[in-house]
Amino acid sequence: MQELPDPIAEDAAARAAGRLAEVLPDLIDVREEIARLQAREARLLAVADEIVDDWVTDAGWRHRSEAELPHRVAAAEIAAVWRVSDRTVQRQLDDARSLVHDFPATLASLETGRISLAHARVILASGSLIARPELRAEYEESVLPYAEAESATRLAPLARRRAEWYAETTFEERHRAARLHRRVSVTDLDDGMAEFLAVGPAPIIHAAFDRVTQLAHGVQEARDTAGDEGAAADTRTLDELRADVFADLILTADPLSVPLPTGAAAVQGRVQVTVPVLALIGDDIADPFEATMLDGHGPVDLATARALAASAPGWDRILTHPVTGAVLAVDRYRPSEEMRRHLKVRDQHCRFPGCRLPVTACDIDHTHDRARGGATDAANLAHLCRRHHTVKHNSAWRVRQRPGGVLEWTSPTGRVYDDRPVSTVTFVTDPEFDLAPF
């Protein structure tokens, strides 16, 4: 694809970038002011919560049923003023109490506009596992720098991973309890529609979604192969195809309403799990960053990880730098596509700033266009989703790859953003080890 081939288009893009550059500082100021106001609101909600606690104490109520009523009354009072649900206010009161009393560093970062309320909620949600104040402080110190540099969605898996190290109960214990709440449910929607919800172990749910997606892509490819006649006969989007494939698999155990290519029954769901080798032979993991992870999601239990490893047709062996954690090499006991596996392990998701679409839904892109002399090696390749692949090649966004797989993005207005591989976000960069050996 050519980049802005028309001089008129180039001029239009340059004018738009100039106008955006004028608006951006005000947008930044507004977002920081919103964060400051949200921090102030949290402090006020915490005061309201303390007032209720004093009410309970002064009244001499000790039973939980007695103490609950004042909290409901206060939540209803605030909800009436705000014209929202009192259940929503109750959740906000709980979050405010935790933010003010248990996560002061996070509150301070919110007050100065360095993070958003969404970031704060991610830190609180993961940090709720940590009971001891000194350990919560260490947890905050380790995740806040990342929160101040990345989106809340990218922060979430890292925060969960870090919180596991400080948790009072093990992930396996909590997972065993959570498995007891596996369920499926249906919620009626408007216009004759309904929503099907399934809750289960993350690797199984992700693998199921991936299988449905692969089958839907197979339909698209068959349609494209059929040419204009096939395209005219079937205009369904990927989401529509996923829904139809899912319904047929559930109702008939065979996707009948969707004409699939030969071999569709053999399509298997794919998940990528990073398993420390010691986790395969022992129950204890000493390093907080060696948790067993479902890439793109978060921690998984060791039993599931071992089962996946046992059933895998081959294993990827990942060599990482002992200090930086950067992926240095990937090999496999059954050789195939070494470079693709290395990039998949390194990137884990789309490498455009803020995007977390998993690599299974992305394409490998030449950072420096191959048609213009870019090399096909790990130092010039990265995963981009279709949306951001199009943005890169058809706009004034620019990117260059630095040592360690760091992508330096420059926006049309001249702002620079560094996107670091997930495996290195908690460590310093050592330029001595930066490239895979291919």
Protein backbone atom coordinates (compact mmCIF):
# COMPACT_ATOMS: atom_id res chain seq x y z
CA MET A 1 0.00 0.00 0.00
CA GLN A 2 1.19 3.48 -0.80
CA GLU A 3 1.38 6.19 1.84
CA LEU A 4 -0.55 9.36 0.99
CA PRO A 5 0.20 9.23 -2.77
CA ASP A 6 -1.71 12.43 -3.55
CA PRO A 7 -0.08 15.84 -2.78
CA ILE A 8 -3.55 17.24 -2.09
CA ALA A 9 -4.12 14.49 0.46
CA GLU A 10 -0.72 15.23 2.01
CA ASP A 11 -1.61 18.91 2.39
CA ALA A 12 -4.99 18.04 3.91
CA ALA A 13 -3.35 15.67 6.39
CA ALA A 14 -0.76 18.29 7.34
CA ARG A 15 -3.45 20.91 7.95
CA ALA A 16 -5.47 18.47 10.06
CA ALA A 17 -2.36 17.55 12.08
CA GLY A 18 -1.68 21.22 12.75
CA ARG A 19 -5.22 21.81 13.99
CA LEU A 20 -5.12 18.66 16.13
CA ALA A 21 -1.83 19.84 17.64
CA GLU A 22 -3.62 22.98 18.81
CA VAL A 23 -6.47 21.00 20.41
CA LEU A 24 -4.39 18.27 22.10
CA PRO A 25 -2.94 20.37 24.97
CA ASP A 26 -6.45 21.40 26.04
CA LEU A 27 -7.66 17.80 25.79
CA ILE A 28 -4.76 16.73 28.02
CA ASP A 29 -5.59 19.47 30.53
CA VAL A 30 -9.26 18.46 30.58
CA ARG A 31 -8.43 14.79 31.16
CA GLU A 32 -6.02 15.69 33.99
CA GLU A 33 -8.66 17.94 35.57
CA ILE A 34 -11.22 15.13 35.34
CA ALA A 35 -8.77 12.83 37.14
CA ARG A 36 -8.22 15.43 39.86
CA LEU A 37 -11.97 15.85 40.33
CA GLN A 38 -12.46 12.09 40.47
CA ALA A 39 -9.78 11.89 43.17
CA ARG A 40 -11.55 14.65 45.09
CA GLU A 41 -14.85 12.79 44.71
CA ALA A 42 -13.20 9.64 46.08
CA ARG A 43 -11.99 11.55 49.14
CA LEU A 44 -15.50 12.95 49.73
CA LEU A 45 -17.07 9.51 49.34
CA ALA A 46 -14.55 8.16 51.85
CA VAL A 47 -15.61 10.92 54.27
CA ALA A 48 -19.26 9.92 53.76
CA ASP A 49 -18.31 6.32 54.48
CA GLU A 50 -16.55 7.37 57.70
CA ILE A 51 -19.66 9.32 58.74
CA VAL A 52 -21.70 6.14 58.38
CA ASP A 53 -19.11 4.17 60.39
CA ASP A 54 -19.39 6.77 63.17
CA TRP A 55 -23.18 6.48 62.99
CA VAL A 56 -22.95 2.70 63.49
CA THR A 57 -20.50 3.11 66.38
CA ASP A 58 -22.52 5.82 68.12
CA ALA A 59 -25.69 3.73 67.82
CA GLY A 60 -23.95 0.76 69.39
CA TRP A 61 -24.86 -1.56 66.54
CA ARG A 62 -22.66 -4.62 66.32
CA HIS A 63 -24.57 -7.11 64.22
CA ARG A 64 -23.90 -7.00 60.49
CA SER A 65 -27.59 -6.76 59.65
CA GLU A 66 -27.90 -3.65 61.83
CA ALA A 67 -24.76 -2.03 60.42
CA GLU A 68 -25.85 -2.59 56.81
CA LEU A 69 -28.88 -0.33 57.03
CA PRO A 70 -26.97 2.97 57.61
CA HIS A 71 -24.74 2.20 54.61
CA ARG A 72 -27.80 1.59 52.44
CA VAL A 73 -29.42 4.79 53.70
CA ALA A 74 -26.31 6.85 52.89
CA ALA A 75 -25.94 5.24 49.46
CA ALA A 76 -29.59 5.98 48.69
CA GLU A 77 -29.14 9.62 49.79
CA ILE A 78 -26.17 10.16 47.48
CA ALA A 79 -27.82 8.23 44.64
CA ALA A 80 -30.91 10.44 44.80
CA VAL A 81 -28.75 13.56 44.48
CA TRP A 82 -26.78 12.08 41.57
CA ARG A 83 -29.84 10.44 39.95
CA VAL A 84 -28.12 7.05 39.74
CA SER A 85 -28.68 3.60 41.26
CA ASP A 86 -27.89 3.28 44.96
CA ARG A 87 -26.14 -0.02 44.19
CA THR A 88 -23.78 1.90 41.92
CA VAL A 89 -23.10 4.38 44.72
CA GLN A 90 -22.47 1.55 47.19
CA ARG A 91 -19.78 0.15 44.90
CA GLN A 92 -18.25 3.61 44.57
CA LEU A 93 -18.23 4.02 48.35
CA ASP A 94 -16.41 0.72 48.71
CA ASP A 95 -13.87 1.67 46.03
CA ALA A 96 -13.33 5.11 47.56
CA ARG A 97 -12.68 3.65 51.00
CA SER A 98 -10.11 1.26 49.55
CA LEU A 99 -8.47 3.92 47.36
CA VAL A 100 -8.10 6.47 50.17
CA HIS A 101 -7.06 4.14 52.98
CA ASP A 102 -5.35 1.21 51.25
CA PHE A 103 -3.81 2.65 48.07
CA PRO A 104 -2.62 6.20 48.88
CA ALA A 105 0.07 6.25 46.17
CA THR A 106 -2.53 5.40 43.54
CA LEU A 107 -4.77 8.17 44.84
CA ALA A 108 -1.87 10.63 44.69
CA SER A 109 -1.17 9.66 41.08
CA LEU A 110 -4.86 10.17 40.25
CA GLU A 111 -4.90 13.56 41.97
CA THR A 112 -2.01 14.78 39.83
CA GLY A 113 -3.61 13.50 36.63
CA ARG A 114 -0.87 10.96 35.91
CA ILE A 115 -3.38 8.10 35.76
CA SER A 116 -7.11 7.86 35.09
CA LEU A 117 -9.83 6.44 37.30
CA ALA A 118 -9.83 3.37 35.04
CA HIS A 119 -6.16 2.77 35.92
CA ALA A 120 -6.92 3.22 39.62
CA ARG A 121 -9.75 0.68 39.45
CA VAL A 122 -7.44 -1.87 37.81
CA ILE A 123 -4.83 -1.38 40.55
CA LEU A 124 -7.49 -1.71 43.26
CA ALA A 125 -9.12 -4.78 41.72
CA SER A 126 -5.86 -6.72 41.48
CA GLY A 127 -4.46 -5.34 44.74
CA SER A 128 -7.51 -6.49 46.69
CA LEU A 129 -5.72 -9.84 47.03
CA ILE A 130 -3.04 -8.22 49.22
CA ALA A 131 -3.83 -7.93 52.93
CA ARG A 132 -0.64 -6.48 54.45
CA PRO A 133 -0.18 -2.69 54.06
CA GLU A 134 3.58 -2.87 53.46
CA LEU A 135 3.06 -5.40 50.66
CA ARG A 136 0.32 -3.28 49.08
CA ALA A 137 2.78 -0.37 49.08
CA GLU A 138 5.38 -2.50 47.26
CA TYR A 139 2.74 -3.60 44.78
CA GLU A 140 1.72 0.01 44.11
CA GLU A 141 5.33 1.06 43.65
CA SER A 142 5.90 -1.66 41.05
CA VAL A 143 2.75 -1.11 38.94
CA LEU A 144 2.29 2.67 39.05
CA PRO A 145 5.15 3.48 36.63
CA TYR A 146 3.53 1.19 34.08
CA ALA A 147 0.08 2.63 34.80
CA GLU A 148 1.40 6.13 34.10
CA ALA A 149 2.77 5.03 30.71
CA GLU A 150 0.17 2.60 29.37
CA SER A 151 -3.57 2.13 28.90
CA ALA A 152 -5.69 0.59 31.65
CA THR A 153 -6.38 -2.49 29.51
CA ARG A 154 -2.65 -3.15 29.11
CA LEU A 155 -2.10 -2.53 32.81
CA ALA A 156 -4.65 -5.16 33.89
CA PRO A 157 -2.72 -8.40 33.13
CA LEU A 158 0.52 -6.99 34.56
CA ALA A 159 -1.23 -5.85 37.74
CA ARG A 160 -2.84 -9.27 38.18
CA ARG A 161 0.50 -10.94 37.61
CA ARG A 162 2.28 -8.73 40.14
CA ALA A 163 -0.45 -8.99 42.77
CA GLU A 164 -0.17 -12.79 42.73
CA TRP A 165 3.26 -12.51 44.32
CA TYR A 166 1.84 -10.74 47.38
CA ALA A 167 -1.48 -12.58 47.69
CA GLU A 168 -2.34 -14.18 51.01
CA THR A 169 -3.87 -17.20 49.26
CA THR A 170 -2.39 -18.97 46.25
CA PHE A 171 -3.86 -18.63 42.79
CA GLU A 172 -4.55 -22.38 42.75
CA GLU A 173 -6.64 -22.11 45.94
CA ARG A 174 -8.70 -19.23 44.57
CA HIS A 175 -9.05 -20.91 41.18
CA ARG A 176 -10.41 -24.09 42.76
CA ALA A 177 -13.03 -22.02 44.57
CA ALA A 178 -13.84 -19.98 41.46
CA ARG A 179 -14.32 -23.13 39.35
CA LEU A 180 -17.28 -24.01 41.55
CA HIS A 181 -19.07 -21.00 40.02
CA ARG A 182 -18.86 -22.19 36.40
CA ARG A 183 -22.13 -21.37 34.72
CA VAL A 184 -24.00 -20.39 31.59
CA SER A 185 -26.88 -17.94 31.53
CA VAL A 186 -29.13 -16.08 29.12
CA THR A 187 -30.17 -12.43 29.30
CA ASP A 188 -33.02 -11.18 27.12
CA LEU A 189 -32.26 -8.09 25.04
CA ASP A 190 -34.41 -5.77 22.96
CA ASP A 191 -35.68 -6.43 19.44
CA GLY A 192 -35.98 -10.19 19.79
CA MET A 193 -32.34 -10.73 20.74
CA ALA A 194 -30.69 -12.40 23.74
CA GLU A 195 -27.21 -12.70 25.19
CA PHE A 196 -25.54 -16.03 26.01
CA LEU A 197 -22.98 -15.85 28.83
CA ALA A 198 -20.55 -18.63 29.69
CA VAL A 199 -18.23 -18.46 32.71
CA GLY A 200 -15.44 -21.02 33.01
CA PRO A 201 -11.65 -21.48 33.21
CA ALA A 202 -9.95 -18.83 31.08
CA PRO A 203 -7.93 -21.19 28.82
CA ILE A 204 -11.08 -23.12 27.90
CA ILE A 205 -13.16 -20.00 27.21
CA HIS A 206 -10.39 -18.37 25.17
CA ALA A 207 -9.79 -21.59 23.21
CA ALA A 208 -13.52 -21.90 22.48
CA PHE A 209 -13.66 -18.31 21.22
CA ASP A 210 -10.56 -18.89 19.10
CA ARG A 211 -12.06 -22.02 17.52
CA VAL A 212 -15.25 -20.14 16.64
CA THR A 213 -13.12 -17.34 15.18
CA GLN A 214 -11.03 -19.75 13.09
CA LEU A 215 -14.15 -21.38 11.68
CA ALA A 216 -15.63 -17.96 10.88
CA HIS A 217 -12.42 -16.97 9.09
CA GLY A 218 -12.66 -20.23 7.15
CA VAL A 219 -16.09 -19.19 5.90
CA GLN A 220 -14.73 -15.80 4.86
CA GLU A 221 -11.85 -17.40 2.97
CA ALA A 222 -14.18 -19.82 1.20
CA ARG A 223 -16.43 -16.91 0.28
CA ASP A 224 -13.49 -14.90 -1.07
CA THR A 225 -12.33 -17.89 -3.12
CA ALA A 226 -15.79 -18.15 -4.67
CA GLY A 227 -15.40 -14.63 -6.06
CA ASP A 228 -18.21 -12.19 -6.76
CA GLU A 229 -20.88 -14.90 -6.69
CA GLY A 230 -19.87 -16.05 -3.20
CA ALA A 231 -19.59 -12.50 -1.87
CA ALA A 232 -23.05 -11.63 -3.15
CA ALA A 233 -24.58 -14.73 -1.56
CA ASP A 234 -23.06 -14.19 1.89
CA THR A 235 -22.50 -10.68 3.23
CA ARG A 236 -22.17 -11.57 6.92
CA THR A 237 -19.53 -9.81 9.01
CA LEU A 238 -16.98 -11.68 11.11
CA ASP A 239 -19.06 -11.09 14.26
CA GLU A 240 -22.19 -12.41 12.54
CA LEU A 241 -20.31 -15.48 11.34
CA ARG A 242 -18.95 -16.11 14.84
CA ALA A 243 -22.48 -15.98 16.24
CA ASP A 244 -23.86 -18.34 13.59
CA VAL A 245 -20.98 -20.82 13.96
CA PHE A 246 -21.36 -20.73 17.76
CA ALA A 247 -25.11 -21.41 17.61
CA ASP A 248 -24.69 -24.31 15.18
CA LEU A 249 -21.93 -25.90 17.24
CA ILE A 250 -24.04 -25.68 20.40
CA LEU A 251 -27.33 -26.84 18.87
CA THR A 252 -26.11 -29.50 16.45
CA ALA A 253 -22.47 -30.17 17.41
CA ASP A 254 -21.76 -29.38 13.76
CA PRO A 255 -21.80 -25.95 12.05
CA LEU A 256 -24.52 -26.75 9.49
CA SER A 257 -25.82 -23.31 8.52
CA VAL A 258 -22.32 -22.09 7.71
CA PRO A 259 -20.66 -23.75 4.69
CA LEU A 260 -17.19 -24.54 6.02
CA PRO A 261 -14.10 -25.65 4.09
CA THR A 262 -13.00 -29.28 4.22
CA GLY A 263 -11.37 -30.26 7.49
CA ALA A 264 -13.29 -27.79 9.66
CA ALA A 265 -13.98 -30.50 12.25
CA ALA A 266 -10.25 -30.73 12.89
CA VAL A 267 -9.91 -27.03 13.73
CA GLN A 268 -8.78 -26.69 17.34
CA GLY A 269 -8.92 -23.69 19.62
CA ARG A 270 -5.52 -22.10 20.20
CA VAL A 271 -4.24 -20.50 23.37
CA GLN A 272 -0.71 -19.40 24.20
CA VAL A 273 0.41 -20.18 27.73
CA THR A 274 3.79 -19.22 29.15
CA VAL A 275 4.86 -21.92 31.61
CA PRO A 276 8.10 -21.69 33.64
CA VAL A 277 9.88 -25.02 33.22
CA LEU A 278 10.13 -25.41 37.02
CA ALA A 279 6.34 -25.21 37.23
CA LEU A 280 6.16 -28.48 35.30
CA ILE A 281 8.09 -30.36 37.99
CA GLY A 282 7.30 -28.52 41.23
CA ASP A 283 4.56 -26.59 42.98
CA ASP A 284 6.58 -23.59 44.14
CA ILE A 285 7.53 -20.62 41.97
CA ALA A 286 10.02 -18.32 43.67
CA ASP A 287 10.06 -15.49 41.13
CA PRO A 288 6.99 -13.20 41.03
CA PHE A 289 7.43 -12.74 37.31
CA GLU A 290 7.53 -16.49 36.62
CA ALA A 291 3.83 -17.08 37.14
CA THR A 292 2.09 -19.36 34.66
CA MET A 293 0.32 -16.96 32.30
CA LEU A 294 -2.38 -17.20 29.65
CA ASP A 295 -0.96 -14.60 27.29
CA GLY A 296 -3.32 -11.68 26.81
CA HIS A 297 -5.31 -12.59 29.93
CA GLY A 298 -3.38 -13.25 33.13
CA PRO A 299 -2.43 -16.05 35.54
CA VAL A 300 -3.73 -19.60 35.10
CA ASP A 301 -3.59 -22.50 37.53
CA LEU A 302 -0.65 -24.92 37.36
CA ALA A 303 -2.87 -27.97 36.80
CA THR A 304 -4.32 -26.47 33.61
CA ALA A 305 -0.88 -25.32 32.45
CA ARG A 306 0.57 -28.80 32.96
CA ALA A 307 -2.35 -30.40 31.11
CA LEU A 308 -1.87 -28.03 28.17
CA ALA A 309 1.87 -28.73 28.14
CA ALA A 310 1.27 -32.49 28.23
CA SER A 311 -1.12 -32.36 25.26
CA ALA A 312 0.93 -29.93 23.15
CA PRO A 313 2.36 -31.44 19.93
CA GLY A 314 5.59 -29.53 20.64
CA TRP A 315 6.98 -27.03 23.10
CA ASP A 316 8.48 -23.64 22.52
CA ARG A 317 11.65 -23.13 24.55
CA ILE A 318 12.04 -19.43 25.30
CA LEU A 319 15.44 -17.95 26.19
CA THR A 320 15.13 -14.68 28.11
CA HIS A 321 17.71 -12.23 29.38
CA PRO A 322 18.23 -12.88 33.12
CA VAL A 323 18.08 -9.16 33.97
CA THR A 324 15.77 -7.53 31.44
CA GLY A 325 13.44 -10.44 30.77
CA ALA A 326 13.64 -9.68 27.03
CA VAL A 327 13.01 -12.62 24.70
CA LEU A 328 16.37 -13.53 23.15
CA ALA A 329 15.44 -16.66 21.25
CA VAL A 330 12.70 -19.21 20.74
CA ASP A 331 13.27 -22.73 19.54
CA ARG A 332 11.12 -25.80 19.43
CA TYR A 333 11.69 -29.48 19.91
CA ARG A 334 9.83 -29.89 16.62
CA PRO A 335 11.34 -27.23 14.33
CA SER A 336 9.01 -24.83 12.47
CA GLU A 337 8.66 -21.07 11.85
CA GLU A 338 11.13 -19.97 14.52
CA MET A 339 10.78 -16.30 13.76
CA ARG A 340 6.98 -16.28 13.95
CA ARG A 341 7.08 -17.99 17.32
CA HIS A 342 9.66 -15.55 18.63
CA LEU A 343 7.54 -12.57 17.59
CA LYS A 344 4.39 -14.15 19.01
CA VAL A 345 6.07 -14.66 22.38
CA ARG A 346 7.65 -11.22 22.38
CA ASP A 347 4.66 -9.15 21.28
CA GLN A 348 1.61 -11.03 22.67
CA HIS A 349 -0.70 -8.33 21.27
CA CYS A 350 -0.89 -5.55 18.68
CA ARG A 351 2.05 -3.19 19.17
CA PHE A 352 0.23 0.06 18.45
CA PRO A 353 0.12 2.23 21.61
CA GLY A 354 -2.74 1.16 23.88
CA CYS A 355 -4.01 -1.75 21.75
CA ARG A 356 -4.35 -5.22 23.32
CA LEU A 357 -5.81 -7.22 20.45
CA PRO A 358 -4.04 -10.62 20.75
CA VAL A 359 -1.46 -11.70 18.19
CA THR A 360 -3.81 -14.40 16.90
CA ALA A 361 -5.92 -11.55 15.47
CA CYS A 362 -2.91 -9.59 14.14
CA ASP A 363 -0.58 -9.65 11.13
CA ILE A 364 3.22 -9.54 11.22
CA ASP A 365 4.23 -6.19 9.75
CA HIS A 366 7.59 -4.94 8.49
CA THR A 367 8.40 -1.87 10.61
CA HIS A 368 10.46 -0.51 7.71
CA ASP A 369 8.53 -1.45 4.60
CA ARG A 370 10.01 -4.47 2.83
CA ALA A 371 9.33 -2.86 -0.55
CA ARG A 372 11.66 -0.04 0.53
CA GLY A 373 14.50 -2.27 1.66
CA GLY A 374 13.28 -3.37 5.08
CA ALA A 375 14.77 -6.63 6.31
CA THR A 376 12.69 -9.65 7.25
CA ASP A 377 14.12 -10.25 10.71
CA ALA A 378 13.04 -9.83 14.33
CA ALA A 379 14.51 -6.33 14.51
CA ASN A 380 12.16 -5.15 11.76
CA LEU A 381 8.98 -7.11 12.44
CA ALA A 382 6.10 -6.62 14.87
CA HIS A 383 2.44 -7.61 15.19
CA LEU A 384 -0.23 -5.08 14.22
CA CYS A 385 -3.99 -5.58 14.09
CA ARG A 386 -5.74 -4.76 10.80
CA ARG A 387 -6.97 -1.41 12.10
CA HIS A 388 -3.53 -0.17 13.13
CA HIS A 389 -1.79 -1.80 10.17
CA THR A 390 -3.99 0.39 7.98
CA VAL A 391 -3.24 3.47 10.11
CA LYS A 392 0.52 2.85 9.84
CA HIS A 393 0.56 2.48 6.08
CA ASN A 394 -2.04 5.11 5.15
CA SER A 395 -1.42 8.03 7.47
CA ALA A 396 1.34 10.19 8.88
CA TRP A 397 1.90 7.90 11.87
CA ARG A 398 5.54 6.74 11.81
CA VAL A 399 7.32 3.95 13.66
CA ARG A 400 10.87 2.74 14.11
CA GLN A 401 12.11 -0.27 16.04
CA ARG A 402 14.74 0.18 18.73
CA PRO A 403 16.83 -2.49 20.51
CA GLY A 404 14.88 -4.97 22.60
CA GLY A 405 11.81 -4.85 20.36
CA VAL A 406 10.79 -1.37 21.56
CA LEU A 407 8.65 0.43 18.96
CA GLU A 408 8.96 4.21 18.87
CA TRP A 409 5.79 5.69 17.40
CA THR A 410 5.53 9.29 16.23
CA SER A 411 2.02 10.69 15.76
CA PRO A 412 1.02 13.10 12.97
CA THR A 413 1.24 15.95 15.51
CA GLY A 414 4.81 15.02 16.45
CA ARG A 415 4.19 13.30 19.78
CA VAL A 416 6.40 10.28 20.52
CA TYR A 417 5.21 7.10 22.24
CA ASP A 418 7.32 4.08 23.21
CA ASP A 419 5.65 0.68 23.07
CA ARG A 420 7.62 -1.95 24.99
CA PRO A 421 7.20 -5.74 24.77
CA VAL A 422 5.18 -7.13 27.67
CA SER A 423 8.05 -9.35 28.84
CA THR A 424 10.31 -6.37 29.61
CA VAL A 425 8.00 -3.78 31.13
CA THR A 426 9.20 -4.35 34.68
CA PHE A 427 12.92 -4.35 34.00
CA VAL A 428 15.62 -2.00 32.77
CA THR A 429 16.96 -2.36 29.24
CA ASP A 430 20.40 -3.85 28.67
CA PRO A 431 21.46 -3.03 25.08
CA GLU A 432 24.02 -5.86 25.08
CA PHE A 433 21.23 -8.39 24.54
CA ASP A 434 18.68 -7.02 22.13
CA LEU A 435 18.12 -9.24 19.13
CA ALA A 436 17.09 -12.80 18.50
CA PRO A 437 19.68 -14.82 16.54
CA PHE A 438 17.83 -14.87 13.22
